[in-house]
Amino acid sequence: MSSAGSSPAGRGWLDPGKGFLEDVPPRKRQLALALRALARLLKTQDLDKPADSYLTQADAAKRLGCKADSLSRYLNRPRVPTRNFVELLHKEASADAAISGQDVCIALDDLLALHASAEGEQLGCKLCVELGGRIDSLTQQLSTPCPACAVRQQAQDERAAELAALRGDVAALRAAVQEMETVEAGLQARLAMAKASRTPLPVPRQQRDRQRSEKEVAVARQLTTQAKDLDGAGKPDSALTLLRQSTTELLTPVETALVLLELRQEERDHLADDLIHVYGRDQKNLRHAMAVSVALNEEGAFDDAGAILRAVLKRSAGAT
């Protein structure tokens, strides 16, 4: 056989696109299509030819124990082959397919069911034809997805996606909380160390430090007086706005701590508490907030020192 005869274009009797004449009934067409597919799996056994060479129609008929004309009728005409022919073709095709690593297109039981249906059709058995139609209908129903099952499966998939997203959010929150707890523990440890090591100075401060302290105290008292006047005039919101803008934008951490101490001394606790809240919310510089907390701690205002830290950490956790 020539190279052209071994190619798909040259094997006309195995052409998968070859049609049927009108006299070929439906059941026989189904059987013939299955037989054609099996025939295309047959390969030459001639050692002088390539192992993947296709058989000629005559060689295939000889291998299957029939004449070439009979083989053509089985594959293209209304004639139904014998059961022995069908079983032999399936056996030979399966053997060649295994050698070449291919899959057989149809199981033997399914092929024999097609053969029985085609025989019943040829004999005019109404029962066989009716059963074949019912089998086709049931097969189509089984292959068609159930609408209710499809909706239920979609809902399950969406639920699974939601649960996966929630698990991711929970994991992220846990990581943020753990990080916050680590930072808070470190800051608390530093505050404890500062408190433990706080001892009276052995010598008076230098003149420059005393002047700077007096200046900081003066700034803090002036701001506190302005806020107290606004609060006393029934304008607590304006007083808080003044305190927030001054402490977060103008004052140093030490001056901010002194403002809180002055507010406590003037019994303006509500302004002090509100200032701690808004300062922790609006102060973006963590170092400044830590410095305020340390300054308060050095003055013995331990509750306010801790409150400043908690407010800043709460804002940081919310931003995360």
Protein backbone atom coordinates (compact mmCIF):
# COMPACT_ATOMS: atom_id res chain seq x y z
CA MET A 1 0.00 0.00 0.00
CA SER A 2 1.31 3.43 -0.91
CA SER A 3 1.88 6.23 1.54
CA ALA A 4 -1.19 7.93 0.14
CA GLY A 5 -3.27 4.88 0.92
CA SER A 6 -2.11 4.95 4.54
CA SER A 7 -3.09 8.57 5.10
CA PRO A 8 -6.57 9.70 6.20
CA ALA A 9 -7.15 11.42 2.86
CA GLY A 10 -6.47 8.22 0.90
CA ARG A 11 -8.55 5.75 2.95
CA GLY A 12 -11.92 6.36 1.35
CA TRP A 13 -13.60 3.25 2.77
CA LEU A 14 -12.69 4.47 6.29
CA ASP A 15 -13.67 8.10 5.70
CA PRO A 16 -15.52 9.19 8.89
CA GLY A 17 -17.50 11.75 6.93
CA LYS A 18 -18.96 9.25 4.51
CA GLY A 19 -22.77 9.42 4.48
CA PHE A 20 -25.52 6.83 4.11
CA LEU A 21 -28.10 6.23 1.44
CA GLU A 22 -31.74 6.86 2.29
CA ASP A 23 -32.53 3.15 2.48
CA VAL A 24 -30.33 2.66 5.53
CA PRO A 25 -32.65 2.76 8.61
CA PRO A 26 -31.72 4.67 11.79
CA ARG A 27 -30.71 1.69 13.98
CA LYS A 28 -28.49 0.26 11.30
CA ARG A 29 -26.86 3.68 10.84
CA GLN A 30 -25.97 3.79 14.53
CA LEU A 31 -24.49 0.31 14.33
CA ALA A 32 -22.60 1.11 11.11
CA LEU A 33 -21.07 4.27 12.63
CA ALA A 34 -19.79 2.22 15.57
CA LEU A 35 -18.41 -0.45 13.22
CA ARG A 36 -16.66 2.20 11.11
CA ALA A 37 -15.00 3.66 14.19
CA LEU A 38 -13.73 0.22 15.19
CA ALA A 39 -12.51 -0.49 11.66
CA ARG A 40 -10.40 2.67 11.75
CA LEU A 41 -8.50 1.18 14.69
CA LEU A 42 -7.31 -1.80 12.64
CA LYS A 43 -3.66 -1.60 11.58
CA THR A 44 -1.57 -3.64 9.16
CA GLN A 45 0.18 -6.79 10.35
CA ASP A 46 2.60 -6.73 7.42
CA LEU A 47 6.12 -6.38 8.84
CA ASP A 48 7.27 -4.71 5.62
CA LYS A 49 4.91 -1.76 6.22
CA PRO A 50 4.83 0.89 8.95
CA ALA A 51 3.07 -0.32 12.09
CA ASP A 52 0.53 2.50 11.94
CA SER A 53 -0.51 1.84 8.34
CA TYR A 54 -4.25 1.46 7.77
CA LEU A 55 -5.64 -1.67 6.17
CA THR A 56 -7.13 -1.77 2.72
CA GLN A 57 -10.74 -2.85 2.56
CA ALA A 58 -9.69 -6.22 1.13
CA ASP A 59 -7.10 -6.83 3.88
CA ALA A 60 -9.60 -5.84 6.57
CA ALA A 61 -12.25 -8.17 5.14
CA LYS A 62 -9.74 -11.02 5.03
CA ARG A 63 -8.74 -10.43 8.64
CA LEU A 64 -12.40 -10.36 9.71
CA GLY A 65 -13.30 -13.53 7.82
CA CYS A 66 -15.60 -12.00 5.22
CA LYS A 67 -15.54 -10.68 1.65
CA ALA A 68 -14.76 -7.06 0.79
CA ASP A 69 -18.26 -6.58 -0.63
CA SER A 70 -19.82 -7.93 2.54
CA LEU A 71 -17.68 -5.60 4.66
CA SER A 72 -18.84 -2.65 2.56
CA ARG A 73 -22.48 -3.63 3.07
CA TYR A 74 -21.97 -3.93 6.81
CA LEU A 75 -20.48 -0.46 7.02
CA ASN A 76 -22.58 1.40 4.44
CA ARG A 77 -25.72 -0.55 3.47
CA PRO A 78 -28.87 -1.76 5.25
CA ARG A 79 -27.45 -5.25 5.73
CA VAL A 80 -26.84 -6.16 9.39
CA PRO A 81 -23.73 -8.31 10.07
CA THR A 82 -23.74 -11.43 12.19
CA ARG A 83 -23.06 -11.30 15.91
CA ASN A 84 -19.82 -13.25 15.36
CA PHE A 85 -18.58 -10.57 12.95
CA VAL A 86 -19.39 -7.80 15.43
CA GLU A 87 -17.59 -9.59 18.27
CA LEU A 88 -14.54 -10.37 16.07
CA LEU A 89 -14.26 -6.76 14.85
CA HIS A 90 -14.41 -5.47 18.42
CA LYS A 91 -11.77 -8.00 19.53
CA GLU A 92 -9.34 -7.17 16.70
CA ALA A 93 -9.85 -3.42 17.05
CA SER A 94 -9.29 -3.61 20.81
CA ALA A 95 -6.04 -5.53 20.31
CA ASP A 96 -4.66 -3.01 17.78
CA ALA A 97 -5.82 -0.08 19.89
CA ALA A 98 -3.97 -1.44 22.92
CA ILE A 99 -0.75 -1.71 20.92
CA SER A 100 -0.97 1.87 19.66
CA GLY A 101 -2.12 3.28 23.02
CA GLN A 102 -5.60 4.26 21.81
CA ASP A 103 -9.00 3.83 23.44
CA VAL A 104 -11.77 1.68 22.01
CA CYS A 105 -14.67 3.90 21.04
CA ILE A 106 -17.42 1.61 22.42
CA ALA A 107 -17.73 -1.23 24.91
CA LEU A 108 -18.66 -4.70 23.63
CA ASP A 109 -21.94 -4.79 25.55
CA ASP A 110 -23.02 -1.46 24.09
CA LEU A 111 -22.00 -2.62 20.61
CA LEU A 112 -24.02 -5.83 20.96
CA ALA A 113 -27.02 -3.78 22.15
CA LEU A 114 -26.79 -1.71 18.95
CA HIS A 115 -26.53 -4.91 16.94
CA ALA A 116 -29.63 -6.39 18.58
CA SER A 117 -31.55 -3.16 17.99
CA ALA A 118 -30.52 -3.11 14.31
CA GLU A 119 -31.57 -6.74 13.89
CA GLY A 120 -34.96 -6.03 15.43
CA GLU A 121 -35.36 -3.06 13.11
CA GLN A 122 -34.47 -5.21 10.09
CA LEU A 123 -36.94 -7.91 11.13
CA GLY A 124 -39.67 -5.36 11.71
CA CYS A 125 -39.90 -6.13 15.43
CA LYS A 126 -42.05 -3.33 16.79
CA LEU A 127 -41.05 -4.15 20.34
CA CYS A 128 -37.34 -3.79 19.56
CA VAL A 129 -37.91 -0.49 17.78
CA GLU A 130 -40.09 0.79 20.62
CA LEU A 131 -37.54 -0.26 23.23
CA GLY A 132 -34.78 1.38 21.21
CA GLY A 133 -36.74 4.62 21.12
CA ARG A 134 -37.34 4.46 24.86
CA ILE A 135 -33.64 3.81 25.45
CA ASP A 136 -32.77 6.87 23.36
CA SER A 137 -35.26 8.99 25.26
CA LEU A 138 -33.95 7.84 28.62
CA THR A 139 -30.36 8.38 27.51
CA GLN A 140 -31.20 11.92 26.46
CA GLN A 141 -32.94 12.59 29.78
CA LEU A 142 -29.97 11.27 31.74
CA SER A 143 -27.54 13.42 29.77
CA THR A 144 -29.66 16.56 30.29
CA PRO A 145 -28.86 18.31 33.59
CA CYS A 146 -31.74 18.55 36.05
CA PRO A 147 -32.67 22.26 36.47
CA ALA A 148 -33.28 21.85 40.19
CA CYS A 149 -29.96 20.02 40.64
CA ALA A 150 -28.17 22.70 38.63
CA VAL A 151 -29.63 25.47 40.82
CA ARG A 152 -28.76 23.54 43.98
CA GLN A 153 -25.22 22.91 42.77
CA GLN A 154 -24.78 26.59 41.89
CA ALA A 155 -26.00 27.58 45.36
CA GLN A 156 -23.58 25.12 46.95
CA ASP A 157 -20.69 26.50 44.87
CA GLU A 158 -21.57 30.07 45.84
CA ARG A 159 -21.82 29.09 49.50
CA ALA A 160 -18.44 27.38 49.32
CA ALA A 161 -16.92 30.52 47.78
CA GLU A 162 -18.45 32.68 50.52
CA LEU A 163 -17.11 30.39 53.23
CA ALA A 164 -13.65 30.47 51.66
CA ALA A 165 -13.74 34.29 51.60
CA LEU A 166 -14.90 34.42 55.23
CA ARG A 167 -12.11 32.08 56.29
CA GLY A 168 -9.64 34.38 54.57
CA ASP A 169 -11.08 37.43 56.36
CA VAL A 170 -10.96 35.65 59.73
CA ALA A 171 -7.35 34.65 59.15
CA ALA A 172 -6.43 38.24 58.25
CA LEU A 173 -8.20 39.59 61.35
CA ARG A 174 -6.47 37.08 63.57
CA ALA A 175 -3.10 38.09 62.15
CA ALA A 176 -3.92 41.79 62.70
CA VAL A 177 -5.02 41.15 66.29
CA GLN A 178 -1.91 39.12 66.99
CA GLU A 179 0.29 41.89 65.60
CA MET A 180 -1.59 44.48 67.66
CA GLU A 181 -1.18 42.40 70.81
CA THR A 182 2.53 42.05 70.14
CA VAL A 183 2.95 45.80 69.69
CA GLU A 184 0.88 46.55 72.77
CA ALA A 185 2.86 44.07 74.86
CA GLY A 186 6.11 45.70 73.77
CA LEU A 187 4.85 49.18 74.60
CA GLN A 188 3.50 48.07 77.96
CA ALA A 189 6.85 46.48 78.75
CA ARG A 190 8.65 49.69 77.89
CA LEU A 191 6.25 51.67 80.10
CA ALA A 192 6.79 49.24 82.97
CA MET A 193 10.54 49.55 82.63
CA ALA A 194 10.30 53.34 82.56
CA LYS A 195 8.10 53.31 85.66
CA ALA A 196 10.45 50.96 87.51
CA SER A 197 13.54 52.99 86.66
CA ARG A 198 11.92 56.35 87.50
CA THR A 199 13.97 57.88 90.36
CA PRO A 200 14.44 61.46 91.58
CA LEU A 201 17.17 63.35 89.76
CA PRO A 202 20.30 63.60 91.86
CA VAL A 203 20.98 67.16 90.73
CA PRO A 204 18.73 70.00 89.57
CA ARG A 205 18.11 70.31 85.85
CA GLN A 206 20.23 72.69 83.85
CA GLN A 207 18.92 76.17 83.30
CA ARG A 208 18.17 75.46 79.61
CA ASP A 209 15.97 72.47 80.50
CA ARG A 210 14.11 74.48 83.18
CA GLN A 211 13.43 77.30 80.73
CA ARG A 212 12.13 74.85 78.14
CA SER A 213 9.87 73.23 80.76
CA GLU A 214 8.49 76.58 81.81
CA LYS A 215 7.74 77.41 78.20
CA GLU A 216 5.97 74.08 77.66
CA VAL A 217 3.94 74.56 80.83
CA ALA A 218 2.96 78.06 79.70
CA VAL A 219 1.79 76.79 76.30
CA ALA A 220 -0.21 73.99 77.89
CA ARG A 221 -1.85 76.33 80.44
CA GLN A 222 -2.76 78.87 77.78
CA LEU A 223 -4.42 76.21 75.58
CA THR A 224 -6.18 74.68 78.57
CA THR A 225 -7.53 78.09 79.62
CA GLN A 226 -8.92 78.74 76.12
CA ALA A 227 -10.56 75.32 76.01
CA LYS A 228 -11.99 75.77 79.52
CA ASP A 229 -13.50 79.13 78.56
CA LEU A 230 -15.17 77.64 75.47
CA ASP A 231 -16.47 74.70 77.48
CA GLY A 232 -17.78 77.01 80.19
CA ALA A 233 -19.60 79.04 77.53
CA GLY A 234 -21.54 75.97 76.45
CA LYS A 235 -19.31 75.18 73.46
CA PRO A 236 -17.68 71.85 74.34
CA ASP A 237 -17.40 70.86 70.65
CA SER A 238 -15.44 74.01 69.86
CA ALA A 239 -13.23 73.37 72.88
CA LEU A 240 -12.49 69.83 71.71
CA THR A 241 -11.78 71.01 68.16
CA LEU A 242 -9.27 73.54 69.51
CA LEU A 243 -7.58 70.87 71.63
CA ARG A 244 -7.48 68.32 68.79
CA GLN A 245 -6.00 70.67 66.19
CA SER A 246 -3.43 72.08 68.59
CA THR A 247 -2.19 68.76 69.98
CA THR A 248 -2.07 66.87 66.69
CA GLU A 249 -0.67 69.69 64.52
CA LEU A 250 1.20 72.22 66.70
CA LEU A 251 2.17 70.98 70.15
CA THR A 252 5.07 68.73 71.04
CA PRO A 253 4.39 65.39 72.76
CA VAL A 254 5.48 66.85 76.12
CA GLU A 255 3.16 69.85 75.66
CA THR A 256 0.30 67.52 74.75
CA ALA A 257 0.89 65.49 77.91
CA LEU A 258 0.92 68.71 79.97
CA VAL A 259 -2.40 69.77 78.41
CA LEU A 260 -3.99 66.51 79.57
CA LEU A 261 -2.57 67.03 83.07
CA GLU A 262 -3.90 70.60 83.18
CA LEU A 263 -7.35 69.43 82.06
CA ARG A 264 -7.41 66.86 84.85
CA GLN A 265 -6.31 69.49 87.36
CA GLU A 266 -9.06 71.86 86.18
CA GLU A 267 -11.58 69.01 86.58
CA ARG A 268 -12.36 69.00 82.87
CA ASP A 269 -12.25 65.21 82.75
CA HIS A 270 -14.73 64.97 79.88
CA LEU A 271 -12.46 67.12 77.70
CA ALA A 272 -9.44 65.06 78.71
CA ASP A 273 -11.19 61.79 77.88
CA ASP A 274 -12.43 63.12 74.53
CA LEU A 275 -8.97 64.49 73.72
CA ILE A 276 -7.38 61.09 74.35
CA HIS A 277 -9.90 59.51 71.98
CA VAL A 278 -9.50 61.98 69.11
CA TYR A 279 -5.72 62.21 69.56
CA GLY A 280 -5.37 58.46 69.32
CA ARG A 281 -7.65 58.48 66.27
CA ASP A 282 -6.02 61.36 64.37
CA GLN A 283 -2.35 61.17 65.36
CA LYS A 284 -0.63 59.34 62.51
CA ASN A 285 2.85 59.46 64.07
CA LEU A 286 3.15 56.50 66.43
CA ARG A 287 6.39 57.90 67.89
CA HIS A 288 4.61 61.09 68.98
CA ALA A 289 1.85 59.07 70.64
CA MET A 290 4.40 56.91 72.44
CA ALA A 291 6.24 60.04 73.61
CA VAL A 292 2.99 61.47 75.02
CA SER A 293 2.36 58.20 76.84
CA VAL A 294 5.90 58.14 78.26
CA ALA A 295 5.57 61.78 79.43
CA LEU A 296 2.29 61.02 81.17
CA ASN A 297 3.82 57.95 82.75
CA GLU A 298 6.73 60.01 84.08
CA GLU A 299 4.21 62.39 85.70
CA GLY A 300 2.41 59.50 87.36
CA ALA A 301 -0.67 59.66 85.09
CA PHE A 302 -0.54 55.94 84.39
CA ASP A 303 -4.21 55.56 83.42
CA ASP A 304 -3.98 58.31 80.80
CA ALA A 305 -0.69 56.89 79.53
CA GLY A 306 -2.31 53.52 78.95
CA ALA A 307 -5.43 55.13 77.45
CA ILE A 308 -3.33 56.96 74.85
CA LEU A 309 -1.67 53.69 73.84
CA ARG A 310 -4.96 51.83 73.59
CA ALA A 311 -6.51 54.57 71.45
CA VAL A 312 -3.58 54.55 69.02
CA LEU A 313 -3.50 50.76 68.84
CA LYS A 314 -7.25 50.63 68.23
CA ARG A 315 -6.89 53.03 65.31
CA SER A 316 -3.97 51.01 63.92
CA ALA A 317 -5.96 47.77 64.13
CA GLY A 318 -8.91 49.40 62.36
CA ALA A 319 -6.65 50.66 59.58
CA THR A 320 -5.25 47.15 59.11
